[in-house]
Amino acid sequence: MSTFRVRHHTTYSYDRPVAFGAHRLMMRPRDGHDMRLLDSSLTVSPPADVRWEFDAFGNSIAVLSFHHAAQRLTVRSDLTVRRYGHDDPIGRLTRHTGPYPFAYDREESIDLAPLTALLFPDDRDALGAWLAAGIPTVPGETIALLDALVQAIHAGFAYSRRETAGVQSPAETIRLGSGTCRDFAVLFMEAARHLGFAARFVTGYVYDPSADDDGVRQADGAAVRGGGATHAWADVFVRGAGWVEFDPTNRIIAGRNLIRIATTRNPAQALPLSGTFERGDASFLGMEVQVDVARVT
């Protein structure tokens, strides 16, 4: 069990006051048996009316309605969450899951159908060729196969930050040999779907133990990638275990340092902050994002 404080502050700046349209925020997690939301606050400047709703996936969405123009839009989200996990997640998962290949039962297949379809069907051949090269011997156990897929991406691609929105297609990531956490999550998700699994995109945060005073690092000695910003990984529905988290960027499976905010079918549905403004003669000066994840206990 770990308790984390998450600060996510975003500021948009313009050279003169602009009128803001409705904005949509996806910054509040849902409680679950594996994570408890202990405290949350949302501060917006200029002031706005806040209306909460659930999207089609059950994620919490704040819809902001503004009444005044301003040169700066600032959104501050502060969370305290308690995350539960196991010291040996792979061993525990393996005891409850079965062999590969597998088949979902009839009801599962109906419910999971949208999450088994490829987002990039034109990349099917590229995915198949990459999987054949990266995992030449397919493990006969489900978790072992998904673990091999995590390791193939983690070891086979160079990580790089990219501030622009959107994701690379799996074929593009394979061709470039590099990508962001979003690109790796999509590659993993699409590869898992290609193998017959239901998978979904996850947006949230990752805690970096290397920021601790004691200098603790991951088992392989590497600092966590994706800290200091929003992070992305994937969920896979595994028979006998349900939804399981896989972070190929950091080679994490069902890790307690992953702080989930939302899950979606498509990464385009998982934007932390989106909205419109009336440009007129105003110029957009830039965006500043600060994300800090600290372990409290």
Protein backbone atom coordinates (compact mmCIF):
# COMPACT_ATOMS: atom_id res chain seq x y z
CA MET A 1 0.00 0.00 0.00
CA SER A 2 1.31 3.46 -0.95
CA THR A 3 -0.17 6.93 -0.65
CA PHE A 4 0.66 9.54 -3.29
CA ARG A 5 0.11 13.26 -3.70
CA VAL A 6 -0.38 14.32 -7.33
CA ARG A 7 -0.20 17.94 -8.49
CA HIS A 8 -1.14 18.65 -12.10
CA HIS A 9 -1.08 22.36 -12.98
CA THR A 10 -1.66 23.64 -16.53
CA THR A 11 -1.51 27.25 -17.80
CA TYR A 12 -2.39 28.54 -21.27
CA SER A 13 -1.16 32.06 -22.13
CA TYR A 14 -2.30 34.54 -24.80
CA ASP A 15 -1.11 38.01 -25.81
CA ARG A 16 -4.51 39.56 -25.01
CA PRO A 17 -7.75 38.49 -23.30
CA VAL A 18 -9.70 35.73 -25.07
CA ALA A 19 -13.18 34.31 -24.49
CA PHE A 20 -13.13 30.64 -23.51
CA GLY A 21 -15.64 28.07 -24.74
CA ALA A 22 -16.54 24.94 -22.79
CA HIS A 23 -13.56 22.93 -21.55
CA ARG A 24 -13.46 19.24 -20.66
CA LEU A 25 -11.19 17.97 -17.88
CA MET A 26 -10.21 14.35 -17.26
CA MET A 27 -8.15 14.60 -14.09
CA ARG A 28 -10.10 12.80 -11.35
CA PRO A 29 -9.67 9.03 -10.80
CA ARG A 30 -12.38 6.63 -9.75
CA ASP A 31 -12.24 4.63 -6.54
CA GLY A 32 -11.68 0.90 -6.82
CA HIS A 33 -10.42 -2.04 -4.80
CA ASP A 34 -6.90 -1.25 -6.04
CA MET A 35 -6.95 2.53 -5.57
CA ARG A 36 -8.73 4.89 -3.19
CA LEU A 37 -9.18 8.63 -3.78
CA LEU A 38 -8.57 10.25 -0.38
CA ASP A 39 -8.77 13.94 -1.32
CA SER A 40 -9.12 16.09 -4.41
CA SER A 41 -9.35 19.76 -5.30
CA LEU A 42 -9.82 21.60 -8.58
CA THR A 43 -9.00 25.31 -8.97
CA VAL A 44 -9.68 27.21 -12.19
CA SER A 45 -8.77 30.78 -13.20
CA PRO A 46 -10.65 32.66 -14.56
CA PRO A 47 -13.53 31.30 -12.46
CA ALA A 48 -15.85 28.82 -14.16
CA ASP A 49 -18.98 26.84 -13.42
CA VAL A 50 -18.08 23.18 -12.99
CA ARG A 51 -20.43 20.36 -13.97
CA TRP A 52 -19.44 16.73 -13.39
CA GLU A 53 -20.48 13.84 -15.60
CA PHE A 54 -19.42 10.32 -16.59
CA ASP A 55 -18.32 9.53 -20.13
CA ALA A 56 -19.21 6.34 -22.02
CA PHE A 57 -16.44 4.45 -20.17
CA GLY A 58 -17.45 5.62 -16.69
CA ASN A 59 -14.58 8.10 -16.36
CA SER A 60 -15.19 11.27 -14.32
CA ILE A 61 -15.33 14.37 -16.51
CA ALA A 62 -15.46 18.00 -15.33
CA VAL A 63 -17.11 20.36 -17.84
CA LEU A 64 -16.12 24.02 -17.35
CA SER A 65 -18.25 26.99 -18.46
CA PHE A 66 -16.52 30.40 -18.37
CA HIS A 67 -18.11 33.84 -18.05
CA HIS A 68 -15.10 36.17 -18.36
CA ALA A 69 -12.29 36.67 -20.87
CA ALA A 70 -8.68 36.42 -19.70
CA GLN A 71 -5.10 36.32 -20.97
CA ARG A 72 -4.31 33.19 -18.98
CA LEU A 73 -6.23 30.02 -18.28
CA THR A 74 -4.94 28.08 -15.29
CA VAL A 75 -6.22 24.69 -14.12
CA ARG A 76 -4.85 23.19 -10.91
CA SER A 77 -5.73 19.62 -9.93
CA ASP A 78 -4.45 18.27 -6.61
CA LEU A 79 -5.07 14.67 -5.59
CA THR A 80 -4.22 12.35 -2.74
CA VAL A 81 -4.63 8.67 -3.63
CA ARG A 82 -3.89 5.39 -1.90
CA ARG A 83 -2.70 2.63 -4.21
CA TYR A 84 -2.79 -1.07 -3.37
CA GLY A 85 -0.68 -3.72 -5.06
CA HIS A 86 1.26 -6.95 -4.63
CA ASP A 87 4.98 -7.49 -4.19
CA ASP A 88 4.97 -10.33 -6.74
CA PRO A 89 2.22 -9.40 -9.23
CA ILE A 90 3.43 -11.68 -12.04
CA GLY A 91 3.57 -14.75 -9.79
CA ARG A 92 0.16 -13.96 -8.34
CA LEU A 93 -1.38 -13.38 -11.77
CA THR A 94 0.13 -16.56 -13.20
CA ARG A 95 -1.54 -18.64 -10.48
CA HIS A 96 -4.99 -17.42 -11.59
CA THR A 97 -4.66 -17.23 -15.36
CA GLY A 98 -4.51 -19.89 -18.00
CA PRO A 99 -2.72 -20.97 -21.15
CA TYR A 100 -2.38 -19.21 -24.47
CA PRO A 101 -4.11 -19.48 -26.92
CA PHE A 102 -7.36 -18.86 -25.08
CA ALA A 103 -10.94 -17.84 -25.83
CA TYR A 104 -13.22 -15.43 -23.99
CA ASP A 105 -16.59 -16.87 -23.11
CA ARG A 106 -19.70 -15.76 -25.02
CA GLU A 107 -20.74 -12.94 -22.67
CA GLU A 108 -17.20 -11.61 -22.36
CA SER A 109 -16.82 -11.64 -26.13
CA ILE A 110 -19.94 -9.51 -26.56
CA ASP A 111 -18.89 -6.98 -23.91
CA LEU A 112 -15.26 -6.80 -25.02
CA ALA A 113 -15.80 -6.74 -28.79
CA PRO A 114 -15.05 -2.99 -29.27
CA LEU A 115 -11.78 -3.45 -27.36
CA THR A 116 -10.55 -6.36 -29.46
CA ALA A 117 -10.85 -4.50 -32.80
CA LEU A 118 -7.67 -2.85 -34.11
CA LEU A 119 -7.58 0.96 -34.19
CA PHE A 120 -5.09 0.72 -37.08
CA PRO A 121 -6.27 -2.24 -39.19
CA ASP A 122 -3.95 -1.25 -42.03
CA ASP A 123 -1.01 -1.96 -39.69
CA ARG A 124 -1.96 -5.62 -39.21
CA ASP A 125 0.83 -6.96 -41.43
CA ALA A 126 3.45 -4.69 -39.83
CA LEU A 127 2.32 -5.81 -36.37
CA GLY A 128 2.43 -9.47 -37.35
CA ALA A 129 5.94 -9.17 -38.77
CA TRP A 130 7.22 -7.27 -35.74
CA LEU A 131 5.68 -9.80 -33.32
CA ALA A 132 7.21 -12.71 -35.24
CA ALA A 133 10.65 -11.09 -35.00
CA GLY A 134 10.32 -9.79 -31.41
CA ILE A 135 8.69 -12.89 -29.91
CA PRO A 136 9.82 -15.75 -32.19
CA THR A 137 8.72 -18.40 -29.68
CA VAL A 138 5.23 -17.67 -28.37
CA PRO A 139 4.92 -18.64 -24.68
CA GLY A 140 2.15 -21.08 -23.89
CA GLU A 141 0.99 -19.11 -20.84
CA THR A 142 -0.99 -15.88 -21.00
CA ILE A 143 0.95 -13.73 -18.53
CA ALA A 144 4.28 -15.00 -19.88
CA LEU A 145 3.24 -13.91 -23.38
CA LEU A 146 2.13 -10.44 -22.25
CA ASP A 147 5.30 -10.08 -20.19
CA ALA A 148 7.34 -10.96 -23.29
CA LEU A 149 5.42 -8.30 -25.23
CA VAL A 150 6.20 -5.69 -22.53
CA GLN A 151 9.90 -6.59 -22.65
CA ALA A 152 10.03 -6.57 -26.46
CA ILE A 153 8.81 -2.97 -26.53
CA HIS A 154 10.83 -1.82 -23.52
CA ALA A 155 14.09 -3.25 -24.86
CA GLY A 156 13.51 -2.73 -28.56
CA PHE A 157 12.56 0.96 -28.76
CA ALA A 158 14.14 4.24 -27.70
CA TYR A 159 12.04 6.47 -25.45
CA SER A 160 11.65 10.15 -26.34
CA ARG A 161 9.35 12.90 -25.14
CA ARG A 162 7.09 14.66 -27.62
CA GLU A 163 4.93 17.63 -26.65
CA THR A 164 2.65 17.59 -29.69
CA ALA A 165 -0.74 15.93 -29.33
CA GLY A 166 -1.66 12.61 -30.87
CA VAL A 167 0.05 9.25 -31.21
CA GLN A 168 2.11 7.42 -33.78
CA SER A 169 0.57 4.44 -35.51
CA PRO A 170 2.11 1.08 -34.59
CA ALA A 171 3.71 0.84 -38.04
CA GLU A 172 5.27 4.28 -37.61
CA THR A 173 6.66 3.42 -34.17
CA ILE A 174 8.10 0.18 -35.56
CA ARG A 175 9.64 2.04 -38.50
CA LEU A 176 11.15 4.82 -36.34
CA GLY A 177 12.28 2.55 -33.52
CA SER A 178 11.32 5.22 -30.97
CA GLY A 179 8.34 6.89 -29.39
CA THR A 180 6.68 8.31 -26.30
CA CYS A 181 4.81 6.47 -23.57
CA ARG A 182 1.61 7.09 -25.58
CA ASP A 183 3.13 5.50 -28.68
CA PHE A 184 4.37 2.49 -26.71
CA ALA A 185 0.97 2.08 -25.03
CA VAL A 186 -0.73 2.08 -28.43
CA LEU A 187 1.80 -0.37 -29.89
CA PHE A 188 1.31 -2.71 -26.93
CA MET A 189 -2.48 -2.33 -27.05
CA GLU A 190 -2.68 -3.03 -30.77
CA ALA A 191 -0.23 -5.96 -30.54
CA ALA A 192 -2.32 -7.47 -27.72
CA ARG A 193 -5.47 -7.05 -29.81
CA HIS A 194 -3.69 -8.66 -32.76
CA LEU A 195 -3.03 -11.65 -30.46
CA GLY A 196 -6.73 -11.89 -29.55
CA PHE A 197 -6.83 -9.92 -26.27
CA ALA A 198 -9.16 -7.08 -25.34
CA ALA A 199 -7.08 -4.02 -24.51
CA ARG A 200 -7.68 -0.39 -23.65
CA PHE A 201 -5.68 2.82 -23.34
CA VAL A 202 -4.92 4.20 -19.86
CA THR A 203 -3.96 7.75 -18.96
CA GLY A 204 -2.66 8.81 -15.57
CA TYR A 205 0.59 9.34 -13.72
CA VAL A 206 3.61 7.31 -12.70
CA TYR A 207 5.58 7.70 -9.51
CA ASP A 208 9.36 7.79 -9.93
CA PRO A 209 11.10 6.26 -6.88
CA SER A 210 14.42 7.70 -8.08
CA ALA A 211 13.16 11.08 -6.88
CA ASP A 212 13.23 9.80 -3.29
CA ASP A 213 15.92 11.00 -0.95
CA ASP A 214 17.24 7.45 -0.64
CA GLY A 215 17.80 7.25 -4.39
CA VAL A 216 15.80 4.05 -4.81
CA ARG A 217 15.55 3.00 -8.45
CA GLN A 218 13.86 0.28 -10.44
CA ALA A 219 15.20 -3.26 -10.33
CA ASP A 220 17.12 -2.72 -13.56
CA GLY A 221 18.74 0.44 -12.16
CA ALA A 222 16.97 2.81 -14.55
CA ALA A 223 14.98 5.86 -13.57
CA VAL A 224 11.28 5.75 -14.40
CA ARG A 225 10.39 7.19 -17.80
CA GLY A 226 7.35 9.44 -18.08
CA GLY A 227 7.59 11.14 -14.70
CA GLY A 228 6.94 14.88 -14.52
CA ALA A 229 4.08 14.66 -17.04
CA THR A 230 0.95 12.69 -17.68
CA HIS A 231 1.76 9.07 -18.41
CA ALA A 232 0.13 6.37 -20.56
CA TRP A 233 0.03 2.59 -20.50
CA ALA A 234 -2.43 -0.18 -21.41
CA ASP A 235 -4.89 -2.53 -19.74
CA VAL A 236 -5.51 -6.07 -20.99
CA PHE A 237 -8.49 -8.21 -19.99
CA VAL A 238 -6.98 -11.53 -18.91
CA ARG A 239 -9.21 -14.49 -18.19
CA GLY A 240 -8.98 -15.37 -14.50
CA ALA A 241 -7.54 -11.98 -13.53
CA GLY A 242 -9.69 -9.31 -15.20
CA TRP A 243 -8.12 -6.00 -16.25
CA VAL A 244 -4.35 -5.99 -15.74
CA GLU A 245 -2.05 -2.98 -16.20
CA PHE A 246 0.95 -3.22 -18.54
CA ASP A 247 3.41 -0.32 -18.88
CA PRO A 248 5.90 -1.16 -21.66
CA THR A 249 7.67 2.19 -21.24
CA ASN A 250 8.89 1.17 -17.79
CA ARG A 251 8.50 -2.63 -17.94
CA ILE A 252 5.86 -2.55 -15.20
CA ILE A 253 3.07 -5.09 -14.78
CA ALA A 254 0.28 -4.40 -12.27
CA GLY A 255 2.54 -1.93 -10.45
CA ARG A 256 1.41 0.11 -7.46
CA ASN A 257 3.32 3.14 -8.79
CA LEU A 258 0.86 3.58 -11.66
CA ILE A 259 -1.90 6.04 -10.79
CA ARG A 260 -4.83 5.55 -13.15
CA ILE A 261 -7.04 8.48 -14.12
CA ALA A 262 -9.07 7.14 -17.05
CA THR A 263 -9.39 4.22 -19.46
CA THR A 264 -10.65 4.51 -23.04
CA ARG A 265 -10.90 2.52 -26.26
CA ASN A 266 -8.98 5.13 -28.24
CA PRO A 267 -6.16 7.43 -27.01
CA ALA A 268 -7.93 10.40 -28.62
CA GLN A 269 -10.67 9.93 -25.99
CA ALA A 270 -8.23 10.37 -23.10
CA LEU A 271 -7.17 14.02 -23.27
CA PRO A 272 -6.59 15.47 -19.77
CA LEU A 273 -7.73 18.96 -20.87
CA SER A 274 -9.47 20.09 -24.04
CA GLY A 275 -11.61 23.05 -25.08
CA THR A 276 -11.98 26.06 -27.36
CA PHE A 277 -11.43 29.80 -27.27
CA GLU A 278 -12.40 32.68 -29.55
CA ARG A 279 -9.15 33.65 -31.18
CA GLY A 280 -10.01 36.99 -32.85
CA ASP A 281 -6.73 38.90 -33.12
CA ALA A 282 -5.17 37.14 -30.15
CA SER A 283 -2.09 34.95 -30.41
CA PHE A 284 -1.45 31.83 -28.38
CA LEU A 285 1.83 32.27 -26.48
CA GLY A 286 2.24 28.77 -25.12
CA MET A 287 1.30 26.14 -22.57
CA GLU A 288 3.07 25.29 -19.34
CA VAL A 289 2.38 21.96 -17.62
CA GLN A 290 3.72 20.95 -14.22
CA VAL A 291 3.15 17.45 -12.88
CA ASP A 292 4.55 16.32 -9.56
CA VAL A 293 3.92 12.90 -8.00
CA ALA A 294 5.25 12.40 -4.49
CA ARG A 295 4.93 9.46 -2.15
CA VAL A 296 3.45 10.48 1.19
CA THR A 297 3.49 7.10 2.96
